[in-house]
Every structure is written in C-alpha cells, then in structure tokens.
Amino acid sequence: MKELLRTTDPVRLSWLLALLADAGIEAVVLDTHTSILEGSIGAIPRRLMVPEDDHAQACLLLRDAGEELGV
C-alpha cells in the first residue's frame, strides 16, 4: 500500500473513497481509530492508501478531480 494523502477532514475522505471506488481502485483509510481515541479534535490526520500498482492512476484521478496531493 502507498499513501495518497493525509487529512483530518472525514467528508473529504468519504468523497475520495467514493471517487476511487467508482474507478475500480481499492482504497483504505488508516489511523481512523487513533484519530477517534484522541477525541476527534482533528489533531491526527488520517492516511488514504491505495495498492502500489494503482498509485499512479489514483494520483491522476484525484488531480483531475481538483485535489492537491502532498505526496
């Protein structure tokens, strides 16, 4: 798995997961439980991960959708 981005915005993550799923790209969000444990104050970003084989395609898809990737 390879990281696409980190964010504390659960709505953005939900939208990105749906966008990737529509393109047939499996994605996983890591650090969700850690973020909840710290009280959901947004201090710990969640990581959006995809398989390494799909990373380049996922990056193009998200950039075409207007997302800025920090990775």
PDB file of N, CA and C in Angstrom:
ATOM      1  N   MET A   1       0.838  -1.182   0.000  1.00  0.00           N
ATOM      2  CA  MET A   1       0.000   0.000   0.000  1.00  0.00           C
ATOM      3  C   MET A   1       0.883   1.246   0.000  1.00  0.00           C
ATOM      4  N   LYS A   2       0.380   2.260  -0.681  1.00  0.00           N
ATOM      5  CA  LYS A   2       1.126   3.508  -0.787  1.00  0.00           C
ATOM      6  C   LYS A   2       0.195   4.682  -0.466  1.00  0.00           C
ATOM      7  N   GLU A   3       0.723   5.665   0.223  1.00  0.00           N
ATOM      8  CA  GLU A   3      -0.079   6.798   0.671  1.00  0.00           C
ATOM      9  C   GLU A   3      -0.378   7.773  -0.467  1.00  0.00           C
ATOM     10  N   LEU A   4      -1.643   8.190  -0.522  1.00  0.00           N
ATOM     11  CA  LEU A   4      -2.051   9.236  -1.468  1.00  0.00           C
ATOM     12  C   LEU A   4      -2.041  10.598  -0.795  1.00  0.00           C
ATOM     13  N   LEU A   5      -2.640  10.666   0.395  1.00  0.00           N
ATOM     14  CA  LEU A   5      -2.695  11.941   1.104  1.00  0.00           C
ATOM     15  C   LEU A   5      -3.047  11.706   2.561  1.00  0.00           C
ATOM     16  N   ARG A   6      -2.911  12.778   3.341  1.00  0.00           N
ATOM     17  CA  ARG A   6      -3.311  12.802   4.757  1.00  0.00           C
ATOM     18  C   ARG A   6      -4.263  13.972   4.942  1.00  0.00           C
ATOM     19  N   THR A   7      -5.310  13.724   5.722  1.00  0.00           N
ATOM     20  CA  THR A   7      -6.270  14.789   6.006  1.00  0.00           C
ATOM     21  C   THR A   7      -7.000  14.502   7.308  1.00  0.00           C
ATOM     22  N   THR A   8      -7.503  15.561   7.904  1.00  0.00           N
ATOM     23  CA  THR A   8      -8.331  15.423   9.098  1.00  0.00           C
ATOM     24  C   THR A   8      -9.809  15.609   8.755  1.00  0.00           C
ATOM     25  N   ASP A   9     -10.118  15.760   7.480  1.00  0.00           N
ATOM     26  CA  ASP A   9     -11.484  16.024   7.020  1.00  0.00           C
ATOM     27  C   ASP A   9     -12.186  14.715   6.628  1.00  0.00           C
ATOM     28  N   PRO A  10     -13.100  14.215   7.470  1.00  0.00           N
ATOM     29  CA  PRO A  10     -13.769  12.939   7.166  1.00  0.00           C
ATOM     30  C   PRO A  10     -14.685  13.018   5.945  1.00  0.00           C
ATOM     31  N   VAL A  11     -15.239  14.181   5.659  1.00  0.00           N
ATOM     32  CA  VAL A  11     -16.101  14.335   4.487  1.00  0.00           C
ATOM     33  C   VAL A  11     -15.269  14.211   3.217  1.00  0.00           C
ATOM     34  N   ARG A  12     -14.116  14.842   3.199  1.00  0.00           N
ATOM     35  CA  ARG A  12     -13.204  14.751   2.057  1.00  0.00           C
ATOM     36  C   ARG A  12     -12.774  13.299   1.836  1.00  0.00           C
ATOM     37  N   LEU A  13     -12.447  12.601   2.920  1.00  0.00           N
ATOM     38  CA  LEU A  13     -12.052  11.198   2.799  1.00  0.00           C
ATOM     39  C   LEU A  13     -13.167  10.349   2.208  1.00  0.00           C
ATOM     40  N   SER A  14     -14.384  10.578   2.655  1.00  0.00           N
ATOM     41  CA  SER A  14     -15.529   9.832   2.147  1.00  0.00           C
ATOM     42  C   SER A  14     -15.706  10.056   0.644  1.00  0.00           C
ATOM     43  N   TRP A  15     -15.588  11.323   0.231  1.00  0.00           N
ATOM     44  CA  TRP A  15     -15.730  11.645  -1.189  1.00  0.00           C
ATOM     45  C   TRP A  15     -14.613  11.004  -2.011  1.00  0.00           C
ATOM     46  N   LEU A  16     -13.389  11.060  -1.512  1.00  0.00           N
ATOM     47  CA  LEU A  16     -12.260  10.478  -2.233  1.00  0.00           C
ATOM     48  C   LEU A  16     -12.378   8.962  -2.323  1.00  0.00           C
ATOM     49  N   LEU A  17     -12.830   8.326  -1.258  1.00  0.00           N
ATOM     50  CA  LEU A  17     -13.046   6.874  -1.289  1.00  0.00           C
ATOM     51  C   LEU A  17     -14.076   6.505  -2.347  1.00  0.00           C
ATOM     52  N   ALA A  18     -15.160   7.274  -2.436  1.00  0.00           N
ATOM     53  CA  ALA A  18     -16.189   7.011  -3.440  1.00  0.00           C
ATOM     54  C   ALA A  18     -15.651   7.224  -4.848  1.00  0.00           C
ATOM     55  N   LEU A  19     -14.880   8.273  -5.035  1.00  0.00           N
ATOM     56  CA  LEU A  19     -14.287   8.571  -6.339  1.00  0.00           C
ATOM     57  C   LEU A  19     -13.364   7.431  -6.789  1.00  0.00           C
ATOM     58  N   LEU A  20     -12.520   6.976  -5.879  1.00  0.00           N
ATOM     59  CA  LEU A  20     -11.608   5.871  -6.190  1.00  0.00           C
ATOM     60  C   LEU A  20     -12.369   4.578  -6.446  1.00  0.00           C
ATOM     61  N   ALA A  21     -13.388   4.298  -5.653  1.00  0.00           N
ATOM     62  CA  ALA A  21     -14.184   3.077  -5.828  1.00  0.00           C
ATOM     63  C   ALA A  21     -14.874   3.078  -7.192  1.00  0.00           C
ATOM     64  N   ASP A  22     -15.391   4.235  -7.609  1.00  0.00           N
ATOM     65  CA  ASP A  22     -16.033   4.333  -8.925  1.00  0.00           C
ATOM     66  C   ASP A  22     -15.061   4.015 -10.052  1.00  0.00           C
ATOM     67  N   ALA A  23     -13.779   4.281  -9.824  1.00  0.00           N
ATOM     68  CA  ALA A  23     -12.745   3.997 -10.827  1.00  0.00           C
ATOM     69  C   ALA A  23     -12.190   2.576 -10.684  1.00  0.00           C
ATOM     70  N   GLY A  24     -12.709   1.828  -9.711  1.00  0.00           N
ATOM     71  CA  GLY A  24     -12.253   0.457  -9.519  1.00  0.00           C
ATOM     72  C   GLY A  24     -10.952   0.346  -8.746  1.00  0.00           C
ATOM     73  N   ILE A  25     -10.615   1.382  -7.992  1.00  0.00           N
ATOM     74  CA  ILE A  25      -9.380   1.389  -7.211  1.00  0.00           C
ATOM     75  C   ILE A  25      -9.717   1.163  -5.742  1.00  0.00           C
ATOM     76  N   GLU A  26      -9.155   0.102  -5.176  1.00  0.00           N
ATOM     77  CA  GLU A  26      -9.367  -0.196  -3.766  1.00  0.00           C
ATOM     78  C   GLU A  26      -8.562   0.788  -2.924  1.00  0.00           C
ATOM     79  N   ALA A  27      -9.204   1.373  -1.928  1.00  0.00           N
ATOM     80  CA  ALA A  27      -8.516   2.326  -1.051  1.00  0.00           C
ATOM     81  C   ALA A  27      -8.845   2.002   0.405  1.00  0.00           C
ATOM     82  N   VAL A  28      -7.906   2.342   1.275  1.00  0.00           N
ATOM     83  CA  VAL A  28      -8.054   2.087   2.708  1.00  0.00           C
ATOM     84  C   VAL A  28      -7.671   3.360   3.457  1.00  0.00           C
ATOM     85  N   VAL A  29      -8.406   3.652   4.523  1.00  0.00           N
ATOM     86  CA  VAL A  29      -8.075   4.787   5.382  1.00  0.00           C
ATOM     87  C   VAL A  29      -7.426   4.247   6.650  1.00  0.00           C
ATOM     88  N   LEU A  30      -6.217   4.713   6.929  1.00  0.00           N
ATOM     89  CA  LEU A  30      -5.505   4.309   8.129  1.00  0.00           C
ATOM     90  C   LEU A  30      -5.556   5.426   9.174  1.00  0.00           C
ATOM     91  N   ASP A  31      -5.381   5.057  10.416  1.00  0.00           N
ATOM     92  CA  ASP A  31      -5.330   5.970  11.564  1.00  0.00           C
ATOM     93  C   ASP A  31      -6.705   6.473  12.004  1.00  0.00           C
ATOM     94  N   THR A  32      -7.772   5.847  11.526  1.00  0.00           N
ATOM     95  CA  THR A  32      -9.112   6.267  11.936  1.00  0.00           C
ATOM     96  C   THR A  32      -9.307   6.075  13.435  1.00  0.00           C
ATOM     97  N   HIS A  33      -8.934   4.916  13.949  1.00  0.00           N
ATOM     98  CA  HIS A  33      -9.145   4.635  15.368  1.00  0.00           C
ATOM     99  C   HIS A  33      -8.275   5.532  16.248  1.00  0.00           C
ATOM    100  N   THR A  34      -7.075   5.808  15.819  1.00  0.00           N
ATOM    101  CA  THR A  34      -6.201   6.696  16.580  1.00  0.00           C
ATOM    102  C   THR A  34      -6.809   8.094  16.650  1.00  0.00           C
ATOM    103  N   SER A  35      -7.357   8.534  15.542  1.00  0.00           N
ATOM    104  CA  SER A  35      -7.983   9.851  15.496  1.00  0.00           C
ATOM    105  C   SER A  35      -9.182   9.911  16.442  1.00  0.00           C
ATOM    106  N   ILE A  36      -9.953   8.839  16.502  1.00  0.00           N
ATOM    107  CA  ILE A  36     -11.113   8.794  17.398  1.00  0.00           C
ATOM    108  C   ILE A  36     -10.662   8.780  18.858  1.00  0.00           C
ATOM    109  N   LEU A  37      -9.614   8.019  19.144  1.00  0.00           N
ATOM    110  CA  LEU A  37      -9.125   7.924  20.519  1.00  0.00           C
ATOM    111  C   LEU A  37      -8.657   9.266  21.074  1.00  0.00           C
ATOM    112  N   GLU A  38      -8.083  10.112  20.216  1.00  0.00           N
ATOM    113  CA  GLU A  38      -7.587  11.393  20.706  1.00  0.00           C
ATOM    114  C   GLU A  38      -8.706  12.409  20.876  1.00  0.00           C
ATOM    115  N   GLY A  39      -9.932  11.993  20.650  1.00  0.00           N
ATOM    116  CA  GLY A  39     -11.070  12.857  20.936  1.00  0.00           C
ATOM    117  C   GLY A  39     -11.664  13.559  19.731  1.00  0.00           C
ATOM    118  N   SER A  40     -11.244  13.174  18.536  1.00  0.00           N
ATOM    119  CA  SER A  40     -11.769  13.747  17.298  1.00  0.00           C
ATOM    120  C   SER A  40     -11.622  15.264  17.231  1.00  0.00           C
ATOM    121  N   ILE A  41     -10.524  15.778  17.772  1.00  0.00           N
ATOM    122  CA  ILE A  41     -10.273  17.219  17.682  1.00  0.00           C
ATOM    123  C   ILE A  41      -9.515  17.577  16.408  1.00  0.00           C
ATOM    124  N   GLY A  42      -9.205  16.557  15.611  1.00  0.00           N
ATOM    125  CA  GLY A  42      -8.555  16.811  14.339  1.00  0.00           C
ATOM    126  C   GLY A  42      -7.052  16.946  14.400  1.00  0.00           C
ATOM    127  N   ALA A  43      -6.450  16.490  15.475  1.00  0.00           N
ATOM    128  CA  ALA A  43      -5.002  16.638  15.618  1.00  0.00           C
ATOM    129  C   ALA A  43      -4.229  15.561  14.858  1.00  0.00           C
ATOM    130  N   ILE A  44      -4.839  14.420  14.636  1.00  0.00           N
ATOM    131  CA  ILE A  44      -4.146  13.314  13.966  1.00  0.00           C
ATOM    132  C   ILE A  44      -4.780  13.083  12.595  1.00  0.00           C
ATOM    133  N   PRO A  45      -4.052  13.361  11.534  1.00  0.00           N
ATOM    134  CA  PRO A  45      -4.603  13.151  10.192  1.00  0.00           C
ATOM    135  C   PRO A  45      -4.744  11.671   9.870  1.00  0.00           C
ATOM    136  N   ARG A  46      -5.707  11.371   9.041  1.00  0.00           N
ATOM    137  CA  ARG A  46      -5.927  10.012   8.549  1.00  0.00           C
ATOM    138  C   ARG A  46      -5.249   9.877   7.197  1.00  0.00           C
ATOM    139  N   ARG A  47      -4.700   8.689   6.938  1.00  0.00           N
ATOM    140  CA  ARG A  47      -3.972   8.450   5.691  1.00  0.00           C
ATOM    141  C   ARG A  47      -4.835   7.662   4.709  1.00  0.00           C
ATOM    142  N   LEU A  48      -4.898   8.146   3.476  1.00  0.00           N
ATOM    143  CA  LEU A  48      -5.601   7.457   2.403  1.00  0.00           C
ATOM    144  C   LEU A  48      -4.568   6.654   1.618  1.00  0.00           C
ATOM    145  N   MET A  49      -4.752   5.340   1.601  1.00  0.00           N
ATOM    146  CA  MET A  49      -3.779   4.427   0.998  1.00  0.00           C
ATOM    147  C   MET A  49      -4.413   3.660  -0.164  1.00  0.00           C
ATOM    148  N   VAL A  50      -3.586   3.358  -1.167  1.00  0.00           N
ATOM    149  CA  VAL A  50      -4.004   2.519  -2.298  1.00  0.00           C
ATOM    150  C   VAL A  50      -2.894   1.517  -2.586  1.00  0.00           C
ATOM    151  N   PRO A  51      -3.221   0.426  -3.278  1.00  0.00           N
ATOM    152  CA  PRO A  51      -2.158  -0.516  -3.673  1.00  0.00           C
ATOM    153  C   PRO A  51      -1.122   0.181  -4.556  1.00  0.00           C
ATOM    154  N   GLU A  52       0.127  -0.236  -4.420  1.00  0.00           N
ATOM    155  CA  GLU A  52       1.212   0.400  -5.196  1.00  0.00           C
ATOM    156  C   GLU A  52       0.943   0.362  -6.690  1.00  0.00           C
ATOM    157  N   ASP A  53       0.362  -0.725  -7.183  1.00  0.00           N
ATOM    158  CA  ASP A  53       0.090  -0.843  -8.619  1.00  0.00           C
ATOM    159  C   ASP A  53      -0.925   0.193  -9.113  1.00  0.00           C
ATOM    160  N   ASP A  54      -1.786   0.671  -8.222  1.00  0.00           N
ATOM    161  CA  ASP A  54      -2.825   1.627  -8.595  1.00  0.00           C
ATOM    162  C   ASP A  54      -2.470   3.069  -8.239  1.00  0.00           C
ATOM    163  N   HIS A  55      -1.315   3.281  -7.619  1.00  0.00           N
ATOM    164  CA  HIS A  55      -0.978   4.606  -7.096  1.00  0.00           C
ATOM    165  C   HIS A  55      -0.925   5.677  -8.188  1.00  0.00           C
ATOM    166  N   ALA A  56      -0.268   5.418  -9.284  1.00  0.00           N
ATOM    167  CA  ALA A  56      -0.152   6.426 -10.351  1.00  0.00           C
ATOM    168  C   ALA A  56      -1.521   6.783 -10.926  1.00  0.00           C
ATOM    169  N   GLN A  57      -2.346   5.783 -11.164  1.00  0.00           N
ATOM    170  CA  GLN A  57      -3.691   6.020 -11.693  1.00  0.00           C
ATOM    171  C   GLN A  57      -4.534   6.805 -10.683  1.00  0.00           C
ATOM    172  N   ALA A  58      -4.416   6.461  -9.404  1.00  0.00           N
ATOM    173  CA  ALA A  58      -5.166   7.151  -8.355  1.00  0.00           C
ATOM    174  C   ALA A  58      -4.733   8.615  -8.265  1.00  0.00           C
ATOM    175  N   CYS A  59      -3.446   8.879  -8.365  1.00  0.00           N
ATOM    176  CA  CYS A  59      -2.946  10.263  -8.333  1.00  0.00           C
ATOM    177  C   CYS A  59      -3.526  11.075  -9.486  1.00  0.00           C
ATOM    178  N   LEU A  60      -3.523  10.512 -10.678  1.00  0.00           N
ATOM    179  CA  LEU A  60      -4.088  11.207 -11.847  1.00  0.00           C
ATOM    180  C   LEU A  60      -5.567  11.484 -11.660  1.00  0.00           C
ATOM    181  N   LEU A  61      -6.294  10.489 -11.162  1.00  0.00           N
ATOM    182  CA  LEU A  61      -7.725  10.631 -10.949  1.00  0.00           C
ATOM    183  C   LEU A  61      -8.033  11.756  -9.959  1.00  0.00           C
ATOM    184  N   LEU A  62      -7.303  11.776  -8.851  1.00  0.00           N
ATOM    185  CA  LEU A  62      -7.557  12.801  -7.844  1.00  0.00           C
ATOM    186  C   LEU A  62      -7.142  14.186  -8.328  1.00  0.00           C
ATOM    187  N   ARG A  63      -6.044  14.272  -9.051  1.00  0.00           N
ATOM    188  CA  ARG A  63      -5.627  15.578  -9.596  1.00  0.00           C
ATOM    189  C   ARG A  63      -6.633  16.092 -10.620  1.00  0.00           C
ATOM    190  N   ASP A  64      -7.157  15.172 -11.454  1.00  0.00           N
ATOM    191  CA  ASP A  64      -8.189  15.567 -12.430  1.00  0.00           C
ATOM    192  C   ASP A  64      -9.457  16.057 -11.734  1.00  0.00           C
ATOM    193  N   ALA A  65      -9.687  15.575 -10.508  1.00  0.00           N
ATOM    194  CA  ALA A  65     -10.865  15.991  -9.735  1.00  0.00           C
ATOM    195  C   ALA A  65     -10.585  17.264  -8.933  1.00  0.00           C
ATOM    196  N   GLY A  66      -9.389  17.835  -9.091  1.00  0.00           N
ATOM    197  CA  GLY A  66      -9.072  19.086  -8.436  1.00  0.00           C
ATOM    198  C   GLY A  66      -8.428  18.958  -7.067  1.00  0.00           C
ATOM    199  N   GLU A  67      -8.029  17.755  -6.707  1.00  0.00           N
ATOM    200  CA  GLU A  67      -7.384  17.542  -5.406  1.00  0.00           C
ATOM    201  C   GLU A  67      -5.885  17.813  -5.501  1.00  0.00           C
ATOM    202  N   GLU A  68      -5.358  18.441  -4.473  1.00  0.00           N
ATOM    203  CA  GLU A  68      -3.913  18.641  -4.381  1.00  0.00           C
ATOM    204  C   GLU A  68      -3.343  17.562  -3.483  1.00  0.00           C
ATOM    205  N   LEU A  69      -2.375  16.840  -4.010  1.00  0.00           N
ATOM    206  CA  LEU A  69      -1.770  15.742  -3.261  1.00  0.00           C
ATOM    207  C   LEU A  69      -0.436  16.199  -2.708  1.00  0.00           C
ATOM    208  N   GLY A  70      -0.238  15.955  -1.445  1.00  0.00           N
ATOM    209  CA  GLY A  70       1.015  16.343  -0.792  1.00  0.00           C
ATOM    210  C   GLY A  70       2.089  15.291  -0.872  1.00  0.00           C
ATOM    211  N   VAL A  71       1.772  14.156  -1.486  1.00  0.00           N
ATOM    212  CA  VAL A  71       2.731  13.044  -1.541  1.00  0.00           C
ATOM    213  C   VAL A  71       3.412  13.037  -2.883  1.00  0.00           C
TER     214      VAL A  71
END
